[in-house]
Amino acid sequence: MDKKAYNTDLTDSERNLQTVVMARKVSQCSKNAVGVQTYMRIKSTVETARLRGQDTVAVLTGLMR
């Protein structure tokens, strides 16, 4: 089993959350619930695709069809 594929190191998790927090602070999406929810859905989808080695743009455009 590849240890990197199942890495549960807290610092990796914290590092991923830092980008979310910074984006929220500078983008004004935290001003309303819809903005926060939309951003989190996109971020989650992009990160999942990236971790699976998928093309993130293709995954996002595929969801819009």
Foldseek 3Di string as FASTA:
>chain_A
DDCVLVPPDVVVVVVLVVVVVVCCVPVVLVVDPVSNVVVVVLSVQQVVCVSVVHDSVVSVVVVVD
